PDB file of all heavy atoms in Angstrom:
ATOM      1  N   THR A   1       2.120 -20.777  -3.527  1.00  0.00           N
ATOM      2  CA  THR A   1       1.670 -20.093  -4.744  1.00  0.00           C
ATOM      3  C   THR A   1       2.785 -19.187  -5.228  1.00  0.00           C
ATOM      4  O   THR A   1       3.478 -18.564  -4.431  1.00  0.00           O
ATOM      5  CB  THR A   1       0.411 -19.242  -4.461  1.00  0.00           C
ATOM      6  OG1 THR A   1      -0.605 -20.095  -3.932  1.00  0.00           O
ATOM      7  CG2 THR A   1      -0.093 -18.576  -5.728  1.00  0.00           C
ATOM      8  N   ALA A   2       2.937 -19.070  -6.517  1.00  0.00           N
ATOM      9  CA  ALA A   2       4.017 -18.238  -7.072  1.00  0.00           C
ATOM     10  C   ALA A   2       3.905 -16.811  -6.568  1.00  0.00           C
ATOM     11  O   ALA A   2       2.840 -16.203  -6.668  1.00  0.00           O
ATOM     12  CB  ALA A   2       3.956 -18.254  -8.595  1.00  0.00           C
ATOM     13  N   PRO A   3       4.993 -16.246  -6.019  1.00  0.00           N
ATOM     14  CA  PRO A   3       4.945 -14.890  -5.468  1.00  0.00           C
ATOM     15  C   PRO A   3       4.521 -13.838  -6.476  1.00  0.00           C
ATOM     16  O   PRO A   3       3.963 -12.825  -6.120  1.00  0.00           O
ATOM     17  CB  PRO A   3       6.392 -14.646  -5.007  1.00  0.00           C
ATOM     18  CG  PRO A   3       6.979 -15.993  -4.864  1.00  0.00           C
ATOM     19  CD  PRO A   3       6.297 -16.868  -5.859  1.00  0.00           C
ATOM     20  N   GLY A   4       4.762 -14.082  -7.763  1.00  0.00           N
ATOM     21  CA  GLY A   4       4.439 -13.080  -8.766  1.00  0.00           C
ATOM     22  C   GLY A   4       2.973 -12.736  -8.859  1.00  0.00           C
ATOM     23  O   GLY A   4       2.613 -11.720  -9.428  1.00  0.00           O
ATOM     24  N   VAL A   5       2.095 -13.576  -8.300  1.00  0.00           N
ATOM     25  CA  VAL A   5       0.664 -13.295  -8.386  1.00  0.00           C
ATOM     26  C   VAL A   5       0.100 -12.802  -7.047  1.00  0.00           C
ATOM     27  O   VAL A   5      -1.097 -12.710  -6.884  1.00  0.00           O
ATOM     28  CB  VAL A   5      -0.116 -14.544  -8.862  1.00  0.00           C
ATOM     29  CG1 VAL A   5       0.355 -14.984 -10.220  1.00  0.00           C
ATOM     30  CG2 VAL A   5       0.011 -15.700  -7.848  1.00  0.00           C
ATOM     31  N   GLN A   6       0.976 -12.504  -6.112  1.00  0.00           N
ATOM     32  CA  GLN A   6       0.499 -12.046  -4.816  1.00  0.00           C
ATOM     33  C   GLN A   6      -0.175 -10.682  -4.929  1.00  0.00           C
ATOM     34  O   GLN A   6       0.286  -9.794  -5.636  1.00  0.00           O
ATOM     35  CB  GLN A   6       1.650 -11.971  -3.816  1.00  0.00           C
ATOM     36  CG  GLN A   6       2.180 -13.329  -3.402  1.00  0.00           C
ATOM     37  CD  GLN A   6       1.097 -14.204  -2.817  1.00  0.00           C
ATOM     38  OE1 GLN A   6       0.503 -13.869  -1.806  1.00  0.00           O
ATOM     39  NE2 GLN A   6       0.818 -15.324  -3.452  1.00  0.00           N
ATOM     40  N   VAL A   7      -1.296 -10.548  -4.236  1.00  0.00           N
ATOM     41  CA  VAL A   7      -2.084  -9.316  -4.262  1.00  0.00           C
ATOM     42  C   VAL A   7      -2.216  -8.793  -2.842  1.00  0.00           C
ATOM     43  O   VAL A   7      -2.373  -9.562  -1.887  1.00  0.00           O
ATOM     44  CB  VAL A   7      -3.483  -9.580  -4.869  1.00  0.00           C
ATOM     45  CG1 VAL A   7      -4.374  -8.363  -4.724  1.00  0.00           C
ATOM     46  CG2 VAL A   7      -3.358  -9.961  -6.335  1.00  0.00           C
ATOM     47  N   VAL A   8      -2.115  -7.483  -2.696  1.00  0.00           N
ATOM     48  CA  VAL A   8      -2.182  -6.844  -1.383  1.00  0.00           C
ATOM     49  C   VAL A   8      -3.413  -5.949  -1.325  1.00  0.00           C
ATOM     50  O   VAL A   8      -3.658  -5.157  -2.244  1.00  0.00           O
ATOM     51  CB  VAL A   8      -0.924  -5.990  -1.118  1.00  0.00           C
ATOM     52  CG1 VAL A   8      -0.983  -5.372   0.281  1.00  0.00           C
ATOM     53  CG2 VAL A   8       0.325  -6.830  -1.271  1.00  0.00           C
ATOM     54  N   ARG A   9      -4.198  -6.086  -0.267  1.00  0.00           N
ATOM     55  CA  ARG A   9      -5.334  -5.188  -0.032  1.00  0.00           C
ATOM     56  C   ARG A   9      -4.845  -3.928   0.665  1.00  0.00           C
ATOM     57  O   ARG A   9      -4.090  -4.006   1.637  1.00  0.00           O
ATOM     58  CB  ARG A   9      -6.398  -5.867   0.837  1.00  0.00           C
ATOM     59  CG  ARG A   9      -7.134  -6.988   0.158  1.00  0.00           C
ATOM     60  CD  ARG A   9      -8.386  -7.372   0.946  1.00  0.00           C
ATOM     61  NE  ARG A   9      -8.082  -7.738   2.316  1.00  0.00           N
ATOM     62  CZ  ARG A   9      -7.806  -8.972   2.717  1.00  0.00           C
ATOM     63  NH1 ARG A   9      -7.780  -9.963   1.845  1.00  0.00           N
ATOM     64  NH2 ARG A   9      -7.550  -9.241   3.984  1.00  0.00           N
ATOM     65  N   VAL A  10      -5.304  -2.789   0.174  1.00  0.00           N
ATOM     66  CA  VAL A  10      -4.913  -1.506   0.758  1.00  0.00           C
ATOM     67  C   VAL A  10      -6.169  -0.670   0.962  1.00  0.00           C
ATOM     68  O   VAL A  10      -6.978  -0.539   0.043  1.00  0.00           O
ATOM     69  CB  VAL A  10      -3.931  -0.732  -0.155  1.00  0.00           C
ATOM     70  CG1 VAL A  10      -3.432   0.523   0.549  1.00  0.00           C
ATOM     71  CG2 VAL A  10      -2.768  -1.604  -0.571  1.00  0.00           C
ATOM     72  N   ARG A  11      -6.311  -0.110   2.157  1.00  0.00           N
ATOM     73  CA  ARG A  11      -7.451   0.769   2.452  1.00  0.00           C
ATOM     74  C   ARG A  11      -6.958   2.188   2.613  1.00  0.00           C
ATOM     75  O   ARG A  11      -6.153   2.489   3.495  1.00  0.00           O
ATOM     76  CB  ARG A  11      -8.147   0.328   3.749  1.00  0.00           C
ATOM     77  CG  ARG A  11      -9.289   1.263   4.193  1.00  0.00           C
ATOM     78  CD  ARG A  11     -10.509   1.087   3.318  1.00  0.00           C
ATOM     79  NE  ARG A  11     -11.636   1.847   3.815  1.00  0.00           N
ATOM     80  CZ  ARG A  11     -12.176   2.895   3.197  1.00  0.00           C
ATOM     81  NH1 ARG A  11     -11.644   3.331   2.067  1.00  0.00           N
ATOM     82  NH2 ARG A  11     -13.227   3.501   3.698  1.00  0.00           N
ATOM     83  N   PHE A  12      -7.409   3.075   1.722  1.00  0.00           N
ATOM     84  CA  PHE A  12      -7.119   4.500   1.824  1.00  0.00           C
ATOM     85  C   PHE A  12      -8.352   5.187   2.400  1.00  0.00           C
ATOM     86  O   PHE A  12      -9.442   5.082   1.831  1.00  0.00           O
ATOM     87  CB  PHE A  12      -6.778   5.087   0.451  1.00  0.00           C
ATOM     88  CG  PHE A  12      -5.566   4.479  -0.207  1.00  0.00           C
ATOM     89  CD1 PHE A  12      -5.639   3.965  -1.493  1.00  0.00           C
ATOM     90  CD2 PHE A  12      -4.356   4.422   0.460  1.00  0.00           C
ATOM     91  CE1 PHE A  12      -4.526   3.412  -2.107  1.00  0.00           C
ATOM     92  CE2 PHE A  12      -3.232   3.867  -0.147  1.00  0.00           C
ATOM     93  CZ  PHE A  12      -3.317   3.362  -1.432  1.00  0.00           C
ATOM     94  N   LEU A  13      -8.185   5.906   3.488  1.00  0.00           N
ATOM     95  CA  LEU A  13      -9.322   6.486   4.203  1.00  0.00           C
ATOM     96  C   LEU A  13      -9.685   7.868   3.677  1.00  0.00           C
ATOM     97  O   LEU A  13      -8.826   8.617   3.204  1.00  0.00           O
ATOM     98  CB  LEU A  13      -9.009   6.581   5.698  1.00  0.00           C
ATOM     99  CG  LEU A  13      -8.731   5.254   6.413  1.00  0.00           C
ATOM    100  CD1 LEU A  13      -8.487   5.515   7.899  1.00  0.00           C
ATOM    101  CD2 LEU A  13      -9.879   4.272   6.216  1.00  0.00           C
ATOM    102  N   GLU A  14     -10.979   8.203   3.810  1.00  0.00           N
ATOM    103  CA  GLU A  14     -11.444   9.534   3.457  1.00  0.00           C
ATOM    104  C   GLU A  14     -10.705  10.573   4.296  1.00  0.00           C
ATOM    105  O   GLU A  14     -10.539  10.406   5.501  1.00  0.00           O
ATOM    106  CB  GLU A  14     -12.952   9.657   3.710  1.00  0.00           C
ATOM    107  CG  GLU A  14     -13.816   8.822   2.796  1.00  0.00           C
ATOM    108  CD  GLU A  14     -14.003   7.394   3.259  1.00  0.00           C
ATOM    109  OE1 GLU A  14     -13.326   6.988   4.241  1.00  0.00           O
ATOM    110  OE2 GLU A  14     -14.814   6.668   2.647  1.00  0.00           O
ATOM    111  N   GLY A  15     -10.266  11.642   3.633  1.00  0.00           N
ATOM    112  CA  GLY A  15      -9.587  12.705   4.360  1.00  0.00           C
ATOM    113  C   GLY A  15      -8.085  12.542   4.468  1.00  0.00           C
ATOM    114  O   GLY A  15      -7.417  13.400   5.040  1.00  0.00           O
ATOM    115  N   TRP A  16      -7.544  11.449   3.924  1.00  0.00           N
ATOM    116  CA  TRP A  16      -6.089  11.295   3.927  1.00  0.00           C
ATOM    117  C   TRP A  16      -5.475  12.182   2.851  1.00  0.00           C
ATOM    118  O   TRP A  16      -6.033  12.342   1.760  1.00  0.00           O
ATOM    119  CB  TRP A  16      -5.712   9.846   3.638  1.00  0.00           C
ATOM    120  CG  TRP A  16      -5.716   8.959   4.839  1.00  0.00           C
ATOM    121  CD1 TRP A  16      -6.182   9.259   6.080  1.00  0.00           C
ATOM    122  CD2 TRP A  16      -5.244   7.611   4.896  1.00  0.00           C
ATOM    123  NE1 TRP A  16      -6.030   8.183   6.913  1.00  0.00           N
ATOM    124  CE2 TRP A  16      -5.456   7.163   6.212  1.00  0.00           C
ATOM    125  CE3 TRP A  16      -4.669   6.750   3.965  1.00  0.00           C
ATOM    126  CZ2 TRP A  16      -5.094   5.878   6.621  1.00  0.00           C
ATOM    127  CZ3 TRP A  16      -4.322   5.480   4.362  1.00  0.00           C
ATOM    128  CH2 TRP A  16      -4.532   5.043   5.682  1.00  0.00           C
ATOM    129  N   ARG A  17      -4.320  12.738   3.147  1.00  0.00           N
ATOM    130  CA  ARG A  17      -3.550  13.460   2.143  1.00  0.00           C
ATOM    131  C   ARG A  17      -2.653  12.466   1.414  1.00  0.00           C
ATOM    132  O   ARG A  17      -2.468  11.326   1.864  1.00  0.00           O
ATOM    133  CB  ARG A  17      -2.752  14.589   2.790  1.00  0.00           C
ATOM    134  CG  ARG A  17      -1.864  14.166   3.938  1.00  0.00           C
ATOM    135  CD  ARG A  17      -1.395  15.346   4.770  1.00  0.00           C
ATOM    136  NE  ARG A  17      -0.386  16.134   4.037  1.00  0.00           N
ATOM    137  CZ  ARG A  17       0.048  17.324   4.435  1.00  0.00           C
ATOM    138  NH1 ARG A  17      -0.465  17.887   5.519  1.00  0.00           N
ATOM    139  NH2 ARG A  17       0.958  17.970   3.737  1.00  0.00           N
ATOM    140  N   ALA A  18      -2.084  12.891   0.286  1.00  0.00           N
ATOM    141  CA  ALA A  18      -1.317  11.974  -0.560  1.00  0.00           C
ATOM    142  C   ALA A  18      -0.162  11.328   0.198  1.00  0.00           C
ATOM    143  O   ALA A  18       0.165  10.155  -0.029  1.00  0.00           O
ATOM    144  CB  ALA A  18      -0.792  12.724  -1.783  1.00  0.00           C
ATOM    145  N   GLU A  19       0.448  12.075   1.104  1.00  0.00           N
ATOM    146  CA  GLU A  19       1.576  11.514   1.858  1.00  0.00           C
ATOM    147  C   GLU A  19       1.136  10.325   2.711  1.00  0.00           C
ATOM    148  O   GLU A  19       1.914   9.379   2.919  1.00  0.00           O
ATOM    149  CB  GLU A  19       2.202  12.583   2.754  1.00  0.00           C
ATOM    150  CG  GLU A  19       2.909  13.701   1.994  1.00  0.00           C
ATOM    151  CD  GLU A  19       1.987  14.863   1.671  1.00  0.00           C
ATOM    152  OE1 GLU A  19       0.742  14.701   1.787  1.00  0.00           O
ATOM    153  OE2 GLU A  19       2.489  15.944   1.296  1.00  0.00           O
ATOM    154  N   GLN A  20      -0.098  10.352   3.207  1.00  0.00           N
ATOM    155  CA  GLN A  20      -0.593   9.220   3.988  1.00  0.00           C
ATOM    156  C   GLN A  20      -0.826   7.999   3.099  1.00  0.00           C
ATOM    157  O   GLN A  20      -0.606   6.868   3.534  1.00  0.00           O
ATOM    158  CB  GLN A  20      -1.872   9.617   4.719  1.00  0.00           C
ATOM    159  CG  GLN A  20      -1.634  10.633   5.837  1.00  0.00           C
ATOM    160  CD  GLN A  20      -2.926  11.112   6.460  1.00  0.00           C
ATOM    161  OE1 GLN A  20      -3.619  11.962   5.901  1.00  0.00           O
ATOM    162  NE2 GLN A  20      -3.274  10.568   7.612  1.00  0.00           N
ATOM    163  N   TYR A  21      -1.271   8.243   1.866  1.00  0.00           N
ATOM    164  CA  TYR A  21      -1.372   7.139   0.911  1.00  0.00           C
ATOM    165  C   TYR A  21       0.008   6.508   0.708  1.00  0.00           C
ATOM    166  O   TYR A  21       0.152   5.278   0.705  1.00  0.00           O
ATOM    167  CB  TYR A  21      -1.887   7.656  -0.436  1.00  0.00           C
ATOM    168  CG  TYR A  21      -3.372   7.876  -0.551  1.00  0.00           C
ATOM    169  CD1 TYR A  21      -4.080   8.591   0.411  1.00  0.00           C
ATOM    170  CD2 TYR A  21      -4.066   7.406  -1.651  1.00  0.00           C
ATOM    171  CE1 TYR A  21      -5.437   8.813   0.279  1.00  0.00           C
ATOM    172  CE2 TYR A  21      -5.432   7.619  -1.800  1.00  0.00           C
ATOM    173  CZ  TYR A  21      -6.114   8.326  -0.834  1.00  0.00           C
ATOM    174  OH  TYR A  21      -7.457   8.542  -0.970  1.00  0.00           O
ATOM    175  N   ALA A  22       1.004   7.357   0.509  1.00  0.00           N
ATOM    176  CA  ALA A  22       2.367   6.865   0.268  1.00  0.00           C
ATOM    177  C   ALA A  22       2.868   6.064   1.464  1.00  0.00           C
ATOM    178  O   ALA A  22       3.468   4.984   1.303  1.00  0.00           O
ATOM    179  CB  ALA A  22       3.303   8.038  -0.015  1.00  0.00           C
ATOM    180  N   ASP A  23       2.611   6.569   2.672  1.00  0.00           N
ATOM    181  CA  ASP A  23       3.039   5.851   3.876  1.00  0.00           C
ATOM    182  C   ASP A  23       2.369   4.485   3.970  1.00  0.00           C
ATOM    183  O   ASP A  23       2.992   3.498   4.380  1.00  0.00           O
ATOM    184  CB  ASP A  23       2.715   6.675   5.130  1.00  0.00           C
ATOM    185  CG  ASP A  23       3.592   7.909   5.268  1.00  0.00           C
ATOM    186  OD1 ASP A  23       4.611   8.000   4.573  1.00  0.00           O
ATOM    187  OD2 ASP A  23       3.233   8.801   6.078  1.00  0.00           O
ATOM    188  N   GLU A  24       1.093   4.420   3.602  1.00  0.00           N
ATOM    189  CA  GLU A  24       0.371   3.150   3.680  1.00  0.00           C
ATOM    190  C   GLU A  24       0.910   2.146   2.659  1.00  0.00           C
ATOM    191  O   GLU A  24       1.021   0.950   2.955  1.00  0.00           O
ATOM    192  CB  GLU A  24      -1.120   3.385   3.446  1.00  0.00           C
ATOM    193  CG  GLU A  24      -2.001   2.155   3.622  1.00  0.00           C
ATOM    194  CD  GLU A  24      -2.063   1.643   5.057  1.00  0.00           C
ATOM    195  OE1 GLU A  24      -1.502   2.302   5.965  1.00  0.00           O
ATOM    196  OE2 GLU A  24      -2.658   0.573   5.266  1.00  0.00           O
ATOM    197  N   LEU A  25       1.260   2.624   1.489  1.00  0.00           N
ATOM    198  CA  LEU A  25       1.833   1.737   0.472  1.00  0.00           C
ATOM    199  C   LEU A  25       3.174   1.165   0.923  1.00  0.00           C
ATOM    200  O   LEU A  25       3.506   0.019   0.610  1.00  0.00           O
ATOM    201  CB  LEU A  25       1.990   2.496  -0.854  1.00  0.00           C
ATOM    202  CG  LEU A  25       0.680   2.833  -1.567  1.00  0.00           C
ATOM    203  CD1 LEU A  25       0.921   3.840  -2.683  1.00  0.00           C
ATOM    204  CD2 LEU A  25       0.025   1.566  -2.128  1.00  0.00           C
ATOM    205  N   VAL A  26       3.932   1.959   1.669  1.00  0.00           N
ATOM    206  CA  VAL A  26       5.181   1.456   2.241  1.00  0.00           C
ATOM    207  C   VAL A  26       4.882   0.456   3.348  1.00  0.00           C
ATOM    208  O   VAL A  26       5.504  -0.610   3.440  1.00  0.00           O
ATOM    209  CB  VAL A  26       6.041   2.628   2.772  1.00  0.00           C
ATOM    210  CG1 VAL A  26       7.226   2.094   3.571  1.00  0.00           C
ATOM    211  CG2 VAL A  26       6.523   3.501   1.619  1.00  0.00           C
ATOM    212  N   ARG A  27       3.897   0.759   4.172  1.00  0.00           N
ATOM    213  CA  ARG A  27       3.578  -0.109   5.318  1.00  0.00           C
ATOM    214  C   ARG A  27       3.165  -1.508   4.876  1.00  0.00           C
ATOM    215  O   ARG A  27       3.564  -2.507   5.494  1.00  0.00           O
ATOM    216  CB  ARG A  27       2.469   0.514   6.158  1.00  0.00           C
ATOM    217  CG  ARG A  27       2.211  -0.211   7.481  1.00  0.00           C
ATOM    218  CD  ARG A  27       1.010   0.352   8.215  1.00  0.00           C
ATOM    219  NE  ARG A  27      -0.235  -0.035   7.567  1.00  0.00           N
ATOM    220  CZ  ARG A  27      -0.843  -1.205   7.741  1.00  0.00           C
ATOM    221  NH1 ARG A  27      -0.308  -2.122   8.546  1.00  0.00           N
ATOM    222  NH2 ARG A  27      -1.969  -1.479   7.135  1.00  0.00           N
ATOM    223  N   VAL A  28       2.394  -1.598   3.783  1.00  0.00           N
ATOM    224  CA  VAL A  28       1.929  -2.914   3.357  1.00  0.00           C
ATOM    225  C   VAL A  28       2.935  -3.614   2.458  1.00  0.00           C
ATOM    226  O   VAL A  28       2.702  -4.757   2.043  1.00  0.00           O
ATOM    227  CB  VAL A  28       0.566  -2.809   2.632  1.00  0.00           C
ATOM    228  CG1 VAL A  28      -0.487  -2.222   3.548  1.00  0.00           C
ATOM    229  CG2 VAL A  28       0.664  -2.007   1.337  1.00  0.00           C
ATOM    230  N   GLY A  29       4.049  -2.948   2.149  1.00  0.00           N
ATOM    231  CA  GLY A  29       5.134  -3.613   1.453  1.00  0.00           C
ATOM    232  C   GLY A  29       5.144  -3.491  -0.060  1.00  0.00           C
ATOM    233  O   GLY A  29       5.979  -4.113  -0.721  1.00  0.00           O
ATOM    234  N   ILE A  30       4.248  -2.670  -0.637  1.00  0.00           N
ATOM    235  CA  ILE A  30       4.253  -2.505  -2.093  1.00  0.00           C
ATOM    236  C   ILE A  30       5.414  -1.610  -2.521  1.00  0.00           C
ATOM    237  O   ILE A  30       6.076  -1.867  -3.523  1.00  0.00           O
ATOM    238  CB  ILE A  30       2.906  -1.934  -2.577  1.00  0.00           C
ATOM    239  CG1 ILE A  30       1.783  -2.943  -2.290  1.00  0.00           C
ATOM    240  CG2 ILE A  30       2.955  -1.611  -4.064  1.00  0.00           C
ATOM    241  CD1 ILE A  30       0.410  -2.456  -2.688  1.00  0.00           C
ATOM    242  N   LEU A  31       5.644  -0.544  -1.768  1.00  0.00           N
ATOM    243  CA  LEU A  31       6.727   0.381  -2.074  1.00  0.00           C
ATOM    244  C   LEU A  31       7.713   0.427  -0.913  1.00  0.00           C
ATOM    245  O   LEU A  31       7.335   0.193   0.242  1.00  0.00           O
ATOM    246  CB  LEU A  31       6.179   1.792  -2.342  1.00  0.00           C
ATOM    247  CG  LEU A  31       5.207   1.959  -3.517  1.00  0.00           C
ATOM    248  CD1 LEU A  31       4.754   3.402  -3.618  1.00  0.00           C
ATOM    249  CD2 LEU A  31       5.843   1.506  -4.817  1.00  0.00           C
ATOM    250  N   SER A  32       8.959   0.755  -1.222  1.00  0.00           N
ATOM    251  CA  SER A  32       9.966   0.910  -0.171  1.00  0.00           C
ATOM    252  C   SER A  32      10.260   2.383   0.092  1.00  0.00           C
ATOM    253  O   SER A  32      10.804   2.722   1.141  1.00  0.00           O
ATOM    254  CB  SER A  32      11.264   0.194  -0.566  1.00  0.00           C
ATOM    255  OG  SER A  32      11.760   0.705  -1.794  1.00  0.00           O
ATOM    256  N   ASP A  33       9.887   3.252  -0.841  1.00  0.00           N
ATOM    257  CA  ASP A  33      10.172   4.689  -0.720  1.00  0.00           C
ATOM    258  C   ASP A  33       8.899   5.470  -1.021  1.00  0.00           C
ATOM    259  O   ASP A  33       8.390   5.412  -2.149  1.00  0.00           O
ATOM    260  CB  ASP A  33      11.278   5.078  -1.699  1.00  0.00           C
ATOM    261  CG  ASP A  33      11.637   6.569  -1.630  1.00  0.00           C
ATOM    262  OD1 ASP A  33      11.046   7.289  -0.788  1.00  0.00           O
ATOM    263  OD2 ASP A  33      12.493   7.008  -2.415  1.00  0.00           O
TER     264      ASP A  33
END
């Protein structure tokens, strides 16, 4: 399937601070920084 349509599931947990959201986005490969 064309990579341009790839979708990633991300779970942000209750009680996480914004930095944990950022770390999770890096972990699943959406962001590098």
